[in-house]
């Protein structure tokens, strides 16, 4: 399970890190061409051309895809840990009722 979360989280950090650093044009200070706004725009122009979509729509499409992936990974983790979650929820309900009964 830990490997699944690491394999899911690492590319997200790398992609979002590159996107926001290149969007801020950090390449002028450090990072050279890789973190430049020109490369950011070039990458999205190529992806937009390949997909037949306006390049301005791609960040929102990527965010929606990442949101769906996050929901799927969260669902898988919750399904695998459903007994622990149910026990925690039941214990929480018992504690809440015992506190109200005082």
PDB file of N, CA and C in Angstrom:
ATOM      1  N   UNK A   1       0.827  -1.181   0.000  1.00  0.00           N
ATOM      2  CA  UNK A   1       0.000   0.000   0.000  1.00  0.00           C
ATOM      3  C   UNK A   1       0.878   1.253   0.000  1.00  0.00           C
ATOM      4  N   UNK A   2       1.949   1.216   0.769  1.00  0.00           N
ATOM      5  CA  UNK A   2       2.851   2.359   0.824  1.00  0.00           C
ATOM      6  C   UNK A   2       3.473   2.617  -0.550  1.00  0.00           C
ATOM      7  N   UNK A   3       3.812   1.540  -1.245  1.00  0.00           N
ATOM      8  CA  UNK A   3       4.403   1.686  -2.581  1.00  0.00           C
ATOM      9  C   UNK A   3       3.403   2.333  -3.540  1.00  0.00           C
ATOM     10  N   UNK A   4       2.130   1.952  -3.439  1.00  0.00           N
ATOM     11  CA  UNK A   4       1.102   2.562  -4.284  1.00  0.00           C
ATOM     12  C   UNK A   4       1.036   4.062  -4.043  1.00  0.00           C
ATOM     13  N   UNK A   5       1.035   4.460  -2.787  1.00  0.00           N
ATOM     14  CA  UNK A   5       0.955   5.881  -2.479  1.00  0.00           C
ATOM     15  C   UNK A   5       2.200   6.637  -2.942  1.00  0.00           C
ATOM     16  N   UNK A   6       3.365   6.021  -2.798  1.00  0.00           N
ATOM     17  CA  UNK A   6       4.597   6.669  -3.256  1.00  0.00           C
ATOM     18  C   UNK A   6       4.603   6.786  -4.774  1.00  0.00           C
ATOM     19  N   UNK A   7       4.203   5.715  -5.455  1.00  0.00           N
ATOM     20  CA  UNK A   7       4.181   5.742  -6.919  1.00  0.00           C
ATOM     21  C   UNK A   7       3.115   6.695  -7.463  1.00  0.00           C
ATOM     22  N   UNK A   8       2.100   6.979  -6.680  1.00  0.00           N
ATOM     23  CA  UNK A   8       1.074   7.928  -7.090  1.00  0.00           C
ATOM     24  C   UNK A   8       1.510   9.362  -6.781  1.00  0.00           C
ATOM     25  N   UNK A   9       2.118   9.573  -5.612  1.00  0.00           N
ATOM     26  CA  UNK A   9       2.421  10.918  -5.133  1.00  0.00           C
ATOM     27  C   UNK A   9       3.653  11.528  -5.796  1.00  0.00           C
ATOM     28  N   UNK A  10       4.673  10.723  -6.070  1.00  0.00           N
ATOM     29  CA  UNK A  10       5.929  11.247  -6.611  1.00  0.00           C
ATOM     30  C   UNK A  10       5.752  11.946  -7.965  1.00  0.00           C
ATOM     31  N   UNK A  11       5.080  11.344  -8.941  1.00  0.00           N
ATOM     32  CA  UNK A  11       4.887  12.064 -10.211  1.00  0.00           C
ATOM     33  C   UNK A  11       4.041  13.329 -10.060  1.00  0.00           C
ATOM     34  N   UNK A  12       3.105  13.320  -9.107  1.00  0.00           N
ATOM     35  CA  UNK A  12       2.308  14.525  -8.886  1.00  0.00           C
ATOM     36  C   UNK A  12       3.176  15.670  -8.393  1.00  0.00           C
ATOM     37  N   UNK A  13       4.051  15.384  -7.446  1.00  0.00           N
ATOM     38  CA  UNK A  13       4.944  16.421  -6.924  1.00  0.00           C
ATOM     39  C   UNK A  13       5.859  16.932  -8.033  1.00  0.00           C
ATOM     40  N   UNK A  14       6.402  16.016  -8.833  1.00  0.00           N
ATOM     41  CA  UNK A  14       7.292  16.426  -9.921  1.00  0.00           C
ATOM     42  C   UNK A  14       6.544  17.270 -10.958  1.00  0.00           C
ATOM     43  N   UNK A  15       5.360  16.843 -11.351  1.00  0.00           N
ATOM     44  CA  UNK A  15       4.605  17.568 -12.377  1.00  0.00           C
ATOM     45  C   UNK A  15       4.150  18.938 -11.876  1.00  0.00           C
ATOM     46  N   UNK A  16       3.575  18.971 -10.678  1.00  0.00           N
ATOM     47  CA  UNK A  16       3.132  20.259 -10.145  1.00  0.00           C
ATOM     48  C   UNK A  16       4.316  21.171  -9.850  1.00  0.00           C
ATOM     49  N   UNK A  17       5.412  20.599  -9.360  1.00  0.00           N
ATOM     50  CA  UNK A  17       6.610  21.398  -9.116  1.00  0.00           C
ATOM     51  C   UNK A  17       7.117  22.043 -10.388  1.00  0.00           C
ATOM     52  N   UNK A  18       7.244  21.242 -11.448  1.00  0.00           N
ATOM     53  CA  UNK A  18       7.695  21.797 -12.727  1.00  0.00           C
ATOM     54  C   UNK A  18       6.706  22.837 -13.241  1.00  0.00           C
ATOM     55  N   UNK A  19       5.416  22.518 -13.190  1.00  0.00           N
ATOM     56  CA  UNK A  19       4.416  23.415 -13.766  1.00  0.00           C
ATOM     57  C   UNK A  19       4.442  24.784 -13.090  1.00  0.00           C
ATOM     58  N   UNK A  20       4.383  24.800 -11.765  1.00  0.00           N
ATOM     59  CA  UNK A  20       4.304  26.087 -11.075  1.00  0.00           C
ATOM     60  C   UNK A  20       5.631  26.842 -11.099  1.00  0.00           C
ATOM     61  N   UNK A  21       6.761  26.127 -11.037  1.00  0.00           N
ATOM     62  CA  UNK A  21       8.049  26.822 -11.134  1.00  0.00           C
ATOM     63  C   UNK A  21       8.261  27.393 -12.532  1.00  0.00           C
ATOM     64  N   UNK A  22       7.883  26.641 -13.558  1.00  0.00           N
ATOM     65  CA  UNK A  22       8.049  27.171 -14.915  1.00  0.00           C
ATOM     66  C   UNK A  22       7.007  28.248 -15.216  1.00  0.00           C
ATOM     67  N   UNK A  23       5.845  28.147 -14.612  1.00  0.00           N
ATOM     68  CA  UNK A  23       4.829  29.183 -14.786  1.00  0.00           C
ATOM     69  C   UNK A  23       5.309  30.504 -14.188  1.00  0.00           C
ATOM     70  N   UNK A  24       6.053  30.419 -13.085  1.00  0.00           N
ATOM     71  CA  UNK A  24       6.613  31.614 -12.454  1.00  0.00           C
ATOM     72  C   UNK A  24       7.905  32.062 -13.133  1.00  0.00           C
ATOM     73  N   UNK A  25       8.345  31.322 -14.151  1.00  0.00           N
ATOM     74  CA  UNK A  25       9.555  31.637 -14.921  1.00  0.00           C
ATOM     75  C   UNK A  25      10.794  31.704 -14.027  1.00  0.00           C
ATOM     76  N   UNK A  26      10.936  30.688 -13.197  1.00  0.00           N
ATOM     77  CA  UNK A  26      12.078  30.592 -12.289  1.00  0.00           C
ATOM     78  C   UNK A  26      13.349  30.288 -13.063  1.00  0.00           C
ATOM     79  N   UNK A  27      13.235  29.848 -14.297  1.00  0.00           N
ATOM     80  CA  UNK A  27      14.387  29.501 -15.111  1.00  0.00           C
ATOM     81  C   UNK A  27      15.351  30.652 -15.326  1.00  0.00           C
ATOM     82  N   UNK A  28      14.880  31.867 -15.203  1.00  0.00           N
ATOM     83  CA  UNK A  28      15.777  33.014 -15.354  1.00  0.00           C
ATOM     84  C   UNK A  28      16.762  33.080 -14.188  1.00  0.00           C
ATOM     85  N   UNK A  29      16.321  32.708 -13.000  1.00  0.00           N
ATOM     86  CA  UNK A  29      17.180  32.750 -11.820  1.00  0.00           C
ATOM     87  C   UNK A  29      18.031  31.496 -11.717  1.00  0.00           C
ATOM     88  N   UNK A  30      17.394  30.350 -11.759  1.00  0.00           N
ATOM     89  CA  UNK A  30      18.091  29.061 -11.742  1.00  0.00           C
ATOM     90  C   UNK A  30      17.234  28.057 -12.482  1.00  0.00           C
ATOM     91  N   UNK A  31      17.807  26.966 -12.881  1.00  0.00           N
ATOM     92  CA  UNK A  31      17.050  25.947 -13.585  1.00  0.00           C
ATOM     93  C   UNK A  31      17.163  26.028 -15.091  1.00  0.00           C
ATOM     94  N   UNK A  32      17.665  27.138 -15.590  1.00  0.00           N
ATOM     95  CA  UNK A  32      17.875  27.266 -17.027  1.00  0.00           C
ATOM     96  C   UNK A  32      16.604  27.110 -17.831  1.00  0.00           C
ATOM     97  N   UNK A  33      16.721  26.405 -18.927  1.00  0.00           N
ATOM     98  CA  UNK A  33      15.629  26.234 -19.876  1.00  0.00           C
ATOM     99  C   UNK A  33      14.487  25.398 -19.291  1.00  0.00           C
ATOM    100  N   UNK A  34      14.788  24.455 -18.425  1.00  0.00           N
ATOM    101  CA  UNK A  34      13.779  23.516 -17.940  1.00  0.00           C
ATOM    102  C   UNK A  34      12.688  24.173 -17.111  1.00  0.00           C
ATOM    103  N   UNK A  35      13.018  25.243 -16.424  1.00  0.00           N
ATOM    104  CA  UNK A  35      12.025  25.921 -15.599  1.00  0.00           C
ATOM    105  C   UNK A  35      11.604  27.260 -16.195  1.00  0.00           C
ATOM    106  N   UNK A  36      11.746  27.401 -17.500  1.00  0.00           N
ATOM    107  CA  UNK A  36      11.396  28.669 -18.143  1.00  0.00           C
ATOM    108  C   UNK A  36       9.944  28.660 -18.613  1.00  0.00           C
ATOM    109  N   UNK A  37       9.406  29.840 -18.711  1.00  0.00           N
ATOM    110  CA  UNK A  37       8.037  30.010 -19.200  1.00  0.00           C
ATOM    111  C   UNK A  37       7.931  29.591 -20.670  1.00  0.00           C
ATOM    112  N   UNK A  38       9.018  29.789 -21.424  1.00  0.00           N
ATOM    113  CA  UNK A  38       9.014  29.408 -22.843  1.00  0.00           C
ATOM    114  C   UNK A  38       8.830  27.903 -23.010  1.00  0.00           C
ATOM    115  N   UNK A  39       9.520  27.119 -22.187  1.00  0.00           N
ATOM    116  CA  UNK A  39       9.366  25.664 -22.269  1.00  0.00           C
ATOM    117  C   UNK A  39       7.957  25.254 -21.837  1.00  0.00           C
ATOM    118  N   UNK A  40       7.435  25.907 -20.798  1.00  0.00           N
ATOM    119  CA  UNK A  40       6.078  25.621 -20.341  1.00  0.00           C
ATOM    120  C   UNK A  40       5.085  25.824 -21.481  1.00  0.00           C
ATOM    121  N   UNK A  41       5.163  26.962 -22.124  1.00  0.00           N
ATOM    122  CA  UNK A  41       4.241  27.244 -23.229  1.00  0.00           C
ATOM    123  C   UNK A  41       4.463  26.297 -24.399  1.00  0.00           C
ATOM    124  N   UNK A  42       5.723  25.960 -24.675  1.00  0.00           N
ATOM    125  CA  UNK A  42       6.029  25.027 -25.760  1.00  0.00           C
ATOM    126  C   UNK A  42       5.471  23.643 -25.506  1.00  0.00           C
ATOM    127  N   UNK A  43       5.609  23.165 -24.279  1.00  0.00           N
ATOM    128  CA  UNK A  43       5.087  21.838 -23.926  1.00  0.00           C
ATOM    129  C   UNK A  43       3.575  21.808 -24.090  1.00  0.00           C
ATOM    130  N   UNK A  44       2.905  22.841 -23.604  1.00  0.00           N
ATOM    131  CA  UNK A  44       1.453  22.852 -23.716  1.00  0.00           C
ATOM    132  C   UNK A  44       0.986  23.070 -25.153  1.00  0.00           C
ATOM    133  N   UNK A  45       1.770  23.765 -25.958  1.00  0.00           N
ATOM    134  CA  UNK A  45       1.434  23.880 -27.383  1.00  0.00           C
ATOM    135  C   UNK A  45       1.525  22.523 -28.073  1.00  0.00           C
ATOM    136  N   UNK A  46       2.579  21.762 -27.774  1.00  0.00           N
ATOM    137  CA  UNK A  46       2.740  20.433 -28.376  1.00  0.00           C
ATOM    138  C   UNK A  46       1.615  19.509 -27.921  1.00  0.00           C
ATOM    139  N   UNK A  47       1.344  19.474 -26.602  1.00  0.00           N
ATOM    140  CA  UNK A  47       0.260  18.619 -26.103  1.00  0.00           C
ATOM    141  C   UNK A  47      -1.088  19.032 -26.682  1.00  0.00           C
ATOM    142  N   UNK A  48      -1.315  20.338 -26.780  1.00  0.00           N
ATOM    143  CA  UNK A  48      -2.566  20.816 -27.355  1.00  0.00           C
ATOM    144  C   UNK A  48      -2.718  20.408 -28.807  1.00  0.00           C
ATOM    145  N   UNK A  49      -1.628  20.475 -29.554  1.00  0.00           N
ATOM    146  CA  UNK A  49      -1.658  20.069 -30.963  1.00  0.00           C
ATOM    147  C   UNK A  49      -1.905  18.569 -31.087  1.00  0.00           C
ATOM    148  N   UNK A  50      -1.242  17.782 -30.244  1.00  0.00           N
ATOM    149  CA  UNK A  50      -1.423  16.325 -30.295  1.00  0.00           C
ATOM    150  C   UNK A  50      -2.849  15.905 -29.942  1.00  0.00           C
ATOM    151  N   UNK A  51      -3.427  16.583 -28.968  1.00  0.00           N
ATOM    152  CA  UNK A  51      -4.767  16.216 -28.514  1.00  0.00           C
ATOM    153  C   UNK A  51      -5.873  16.944 -29.265  1.00  0.00           C
ATOM    154  N   UNK A  52      -5.516  17.949 -30.029  1.00  0.00           N
ATOM    155  CA  UNK A  52      -6.524  18.723 -30.745  1.00  0.00           C
ATOM    156  C   UNK A  52      -7.333  19.610 -29.816  1.00  0.00           C
ATOM    157  N   UNK A  53      -6.672  20.133 -28.797  1.00  0.00           N
ATOM    158  CA  UNK A  53      -7.332  20.951 -27.778  1.00  0.00           C
ATOM    159  C   UNK A  53      -6.572  22.271 -27.668  1.00  0.00           C
ATOM    160  N   UNK A  54      -7.278  23.320 -27.291  1.00  0.00           N
ATOM    161  CA  UNK A  54      -6.615  24.598 -27.039  1.00  0.00           C
ATOM    162  C   UNK A  54      -5.623  24.428 -25.884  1.00  0.00           C
ATOM    163  N   UNK A  55      -4.406  24.919 -26.018  1.00  0.00           N
ATOM    164  CA  UNK A  55      -3.415  24.772 -24.947  1.00  0.00           C
ATOM    165  C   UNK A  55      -3.843  25.404 -23.621  1.00  0.00           C
ATOM    166  N   UNK A  56      -4.697  26.422 -23.677  1.00  0.00           N
ATOM    167  CA  UNK A  56      -5.157  27.063 -22.444  1.00  0.00           C
ATOM    168  C   UNK A  56      -6.086  26.161 -21.631  1.00  0.00           C
ATOM    169  N   UNK A  57      -6.715  25.194 -22.271  1.00  0.00           N
ATOM    170  CA  UNK A  57      -7.632  24.284 -21.573  1.00  0.00           C
ATOM    171  C   UNK A  57      -6.912  23.117 -20.904  1.00  0.00           C
ATOM    172  N   UNK A  58      -5.666  22.858 -21.293  1.00  0.00           N
ATOM    173  CA  UNK A  58      -4.953  21.685 -20.794  1.00  0.00           C
ATOM    174  C   UNK A  58      -4.718  21.680 -19.283  1.00  0.00           C
ATOM    175  N   UNK A  59      -4.311  22.788 -18.643  1.00  0.00           N
ATOM    176  CA  UNK A  59      -4.118  22.715 -17.192  1.00  0.00           C
ATOM    177  C   UNK A  59      -5.383  22.308 -16.434  1.00  0.00           C
ATOM    178  N   UNK A  60      -6.533  22.816 -16.855  1.00  0.00           N
ATOM    179  CA  UNK A  60      -7.783  22.428 -16.196  1.00  0.00           C
ATOM    180  C   UNK A  60      -8.105  20.958 -16.453  1.00  0.00           C
ATOM    181  N   UNK A  61      -7.820  20.486 -17.663  1.00  0.00           N
ATOM    182  CA  UNK A  61      -8.056  19.071 -17.970  1.00  0.00           C
ATOM    183  C   UNK A  61      -7.136  18.177 -17.146  1.00  0.00           C
ATOM    184  N   UNK A  62      -5.880  18.580 -17.005  1.00  0.00           N
ATOM    185  CA  UNK A  62      -4.944  17.809 -16.186  1.00  0.00           C
ATOM    186  C   UNK A  62      -5.378  17.805 -14.724  1.00  0.00           C
ATOM    187  N   UNK A  63      -5.827  18.948 -14.224  1.00  0.00           N
ATOM    188  CA  UNK A  63      -6.289  19.017 -12.837  1.00  0.00           C
ATOM    189  C   UNK A  63      -7.496  18.103 -12.621  1.00  0.00           C
ATOM    190  N   UNK A  64      -8.413  18.057 -13.580  1.00  0.00           N
ATOM    191  CA  UNK A  64      -9.570  17.166 -13.459  1.00  0.00           C
ATOM    192  C   UNK A  64      -9.140  15.703 -13.476  1.00  0.00           C
ATOM    193  N   UNK A  65      -8.198  15.361 -14.334  1.00  0.00           N
ATOM    194  CA  UNK A  65      -7.682  13.987 -14.376  1.00  0.00           C
ATOM    195  C   UNK A  65      -6.979  13.602 -13.093  1.00  0.00           C
ATOM    196  N   UNK A  66      -6.201  14.522 -12.548  1.00  0.00           N
ATOM    197  CA  UNK A  66      -5.507  14.252 -11.288  1.00  0.00           C
ATOM    198  C   UNK A  66      -6.516  14.129 -10.154  1.00  0.00           C
ATOM    199  N   UNK A  67      -7.565  14.932 -10.191  1.00  0.00           N
ATOM    200  CA  UNK A  67      -8.623  14.806  -9.185  1.00  0.00           C
ATOM    201  C   UNK A  67      -9.301  13.449  -9.243  1.00  0.00           C
ATOM    202  N   UNK A  68      -9.562  12.960 -10.444  1.00  0.00           N
ATOM    203  CA  UNK A  68     -10.159  11.636 -10.602  1.00  0.00           C
ATOM    204  C   UNK A  68      -9.209  10.552 -10.098  1.00  0.00           C
ATOM    205  N   UNK A  69      -7.932  10.655 -10.463  1.00  0.00           N
ATOM    206  CA  UNK A  69      -6.949   9.682  -9.981  1.00  0.00           C
ATOM    207  C   UNK A  69      -6.858   9.692  -8.461  1.00  0.00           C
ATOM    208  N   UNK A  70      -6.898  10.882  -7.877  1.00  0.00           N
ATOM    209  CA  UNK A  70      -6.844  10.996  -6.423  1.00  0.00           C
ATOM    210  C   UNK A  70      -8.058  10.327  -5.793  1.00  0.00           C
ATOM    211  N   UNK A  71      -9.230  10.530  -6.374  1.00  0.00           N
ATOM    212  CA  UNK A  71     -10.438   9.883  -5.853  1.00  0.00           C
ATOM    213  C   UNK A  71     -10.336   8.365  -5.960  1.00  0.00           C
ATOM    214  N   UNK A  72      -9.801   7.867  -7.069  1.00  0.00           N
ATOM    215  CA  UNK A  72      -9.639   6.418  -7.230  1.00  0.00           C
ATOM    216  C   UNK A  72      -8.651   5.844  -6.221  1.00  0.00           C
ATOM    217  N   UNK A  73      -7.511   6.500  -6.040  1.00  0.00           N
ATOM    218  CA  UNK A  73      -6.513   6.015  -5.075  1.00  0.00           C
ATOM    219  C   UNK A  73      -7.077   6.077  -3.661  1.00  0.00           C
ATOM    220  N   UNK A  74      -7.790   7.149  -3.333  1.00  0.00           N
ATOM    221  CA  UNK A  74      -8.415   7.257  -2.015  1.00  0.00           C
ATOM    222  C   UNK A  74      -9.446   6.154  -1.820  1.00  0.00           C
ATOM    223  N   UNK A  75     -10.228   5.868  -2.840  1.00  0.00           N
ATOM    224  CA  UNK A  75     -11.206   4.782  -2.759  1.00  0.00           C
ATOM    225  C   UNK A  75     -10.556   3.428  -2.566  1.00  0.00           C
ATOM    226  N   UNK A  76      -9.451   3.182  -3.259  1.00  0.00           N
ATOM    227  CA  UNK A  76      -8.733   1.909  -3.110  1.00  0.00           C
ATOM    228  C   UNK A  76      -8.186   1.773  -1.696  1.00  0.00           C
ATOM    229  N   UNK A  77      -7.576   2.838  -1.186  1.00  0.00           N
ATOM    230  CA  UNK A  77      -7.021   2.800   0.172  1.00  0.00           C
ATOM    231  C   UNK A  77      -8.141   2.607   1.188  1.00  0.00           C
ATOM    232  N   UNK A  78      -9.247   3.327   1.029  1.00  0.00           N
ATOM    233  CA  UNK A  78     -10.369   3.190   1.959  1.00  0.00           C
ATOM    234  C   UNK A  78     -10.963   1.788   1.894  1.00  0.00           C
ATOM    235  N   UNK A  79     -11.059   1.205   0.707  1.00  0.00           N
ATOM    236  CA  UNK A  79     -11.597  -0.148   0.585  1.00  0.00           C
ATOM    237  C   UNK A  79     -10.694  -1.154   1.276  1.00  0.00           C
ATOM    238  N   UNK A  80      -9.392  -0.991   1.105  1.00  0.00           N
ATOM    239  CA  UNK A  80      -8.458  -1.934   1.722  1.00  0.00           C
ATOM    240  C   UNK A  80      -8.437  -1.799   3.238  1.00  0.00           C
ATOM    241  N   UNK A  81      -8.745  -0.621   3.750  1.00  0.00           N
ATOM    242  CA  UNK A  81      -8.720  -0.381   5.197  1.00  0.00           C
ATOM    243  C   UNK A  81     -10.118  -0.215   5.775  1.00  0.00           C
ATOM    244  N   UNK A  82     -11.111  -0.759   5.118  1.00  0.00           N
ATOM    245  CA  UNK A  82     -12.497  -0.525   5.523  1.00  0.00           C
ATOM    246  C   UNK A  82     -12.810  -1.043   6.915  1.00  0.00           C
ATOM    247  N   UNK A  83     -12.205  -2.150   7.336  1.00  0.00           N
ATOM    248  CA  UNK A  83     -12.478  -2.676   8.680  1.00  0.00           C
ATOM    249  C   UNK A  83     -11.918  -1.744   9.749  1.00  0.00           C
ATOM    250  N   UNK A  84     -10.719  -1.243   9.524  1.00  0.00           N
ATOM    251  CA  UNK A  84     -10.131  -0.296  10.482  1.00  0.00           C
ATOM    252  C   UNK A  84     -10.935   0.998  10.527  1.00  0.00           C
ATOM    253  N   UNK A  85     -11.379   1.451   9.371  1.00  0.00           N
ATOM    254  CA  UNK A  85     -12.174   2.678   9.324  1.00  0.00           C
ATOM    255  C   UNK A  85     -13.509   2.468  10.029  1.00  0.00           C
ATOM    256  N   UNK A  86     -14.139   1.315   9.812  1.00  0.00           N
ATOM    257  CA  UNK A  86     -15.418   1.018  10.475  1.00  0.00           C
ATOM    258  C   UNK A  86     -15.235   0.937  11.987  1.00  0.00           C
ATOM    259  N   UNK A  87     -14.148   0.310  12.450  1.00  0.00           N
ATOM    260  CA  UNK A  87     -13.891   0.217  13.889  1.00  0.00           C
ATOM    261  C   UNK A  87     -13.635   1.602  14.477  1.00  0.00           C
ATOM    262  N   UNK A  88     -12.890   2.417  13.772  1.00  0.00           N
ATOM    263  CA  UNK A  88     -12.631   3.778  14.237  1.00  0.00           C
ATOM    264  C   UNK A  88     -13.938   4.570  14.311  1.00  0.00           C
ATOM    265  N   UNK A  89     -14.770   4.432  13.291  1.00  0.00           N
ATOM    266  CA  UNK A  89     -16.044   5.158  13.260  1.00  0.00           C
ATOM    267  C   UNK A  89     -16.961   4.705  14.394  1.00  0.00           C
ATOM    268  N   UNK A  90     -17.018   3.397  14.637  1.00  0.00           N
ATOM    269  CA  UNK A  90     -17.848   2.881  15.726  1.00  0.00           C
ATOM    270  C   UNK A  90     -17.318   3.364  17.076  1.00  0.00           C
ATOM    271  N   UNK A  91     -16.016   3.343  17.260  1.00  0.00           N
ATOM    272  CA  UNK A  91     -15.424   3.836  18.501  1.00  0.00           C
ATOM    273  C   UNK A  91     -15.681   5.314  18.704  1.00  0.00           C
ATOM    274  N   UNK A  92     -15.658   6.044  17.638  1.00  0.00           N
ATOM    275  CA  UNK A  92     -15.933   7.479  17.697  1.00  0.00           C
ATOM    276  C   UNK A  92     -17.383   7.733  18.107  1.00  0.00           C
ATOM    277  N   UNK A  93     -18.294   6.925  17.566  1.00  0.00           N
ATOM    278  CA  UNK A  93     -19.709   7.070  17.911  1.00  0.00           C
ATOM    279  C   UNK A  93     -19.939   6.727  19.380  1.00  0.00           C
ATOM    280  N   UNK A  94     -19.271   5.685  19.875  1.00  0.00           N
ATOM    281  CA  UNK A  94     -19.413   5.301  21.285  1.00  0.00           C
ATOM    282  C   UNK A  94     -18.890   6.414  22.182  1.00  0.00           C
ATOM    283  N   UNK A  95     -17.749   6.987  21.845  1.00  0.00           N
ATOM    284  CA  UNK A  95     -17.190   8.084  22.635  1.00  0.00           C
ATOM    285  C   UNK A  95     -18.117   9.291  22.636  1.00  0.00           C
ATOM    286  N   UNK A  96     -18.702   9.580  21.497  1.00  0.00           N
ATOM    287  CA  UNK A  96     -19.589  10.737  21.397  1.00  0.00           C
ATOM    288  C   UNK A  96     -20.831  10.536  22.261  1.00  0.00           C
ATOM    289  N   UNK A  97     -21.384   9.309  22.257  1.00  0.00           N
ATOM    290  CA  UNK A  97     -22.577   9.041  23.062  1.00  0.00           C
ATOM    291  C   UNK A  97     -22.246   9.009  24.545  1.00  0.00           C
ATOM    292  N   UNK A  98     -21.068   8.538  24.922  1.00  0.00           N
ATOM    293  CA  UNK A  98     -20.707   8.498  26.338  1.00  0.00           C
ATOM    294  C   UNK A  98     -20.440   9.905  26.866  1.00  0.00           C
ATOM    295  N   UNK A  99     -19.931  10.799  26.046  1.00  0.00           N
ATOM    296  CA  UNK A  99     -19.695  12.178  26.464  1.00  0.00           C
ATOM    297  C   UNK A  99     -21.020  12.907  26.608  1.00  0.00           C
ATOM    298  N   UNK A 100     -21.973  12.652  25.733  1.00  0.00           N
ATOM    299  CA  UNK A 100     -23.273  13.308  25.803  1.00  0.00           C
ATOM    300  C   UNK A 100     -24.085  12.808  26.990  1.00  0.00           C
ATOM    301  N   UNK A 101     -23.832  11.594  27.420  1.00  0.00           N
ATOM    302  CA  UNK A 101     -24.597  11.001  28.511  1.00  0.00           C
ATOM    303  C   UNK A 101     -24.175  11.478  29.884  1.00  0.00           C
ATOM    304  N   UNK A 102     -23.108  12.209  30.013  1.00  0.00           N
ATOM    305  CA  UNK A 102     -22.618  12.676  31.322  1.00  0.00           C
ATOM    306  C   UNK A 102     -23.524  13.633  31.967  1.00  0.00           C
TER     307      UNK A 102
END
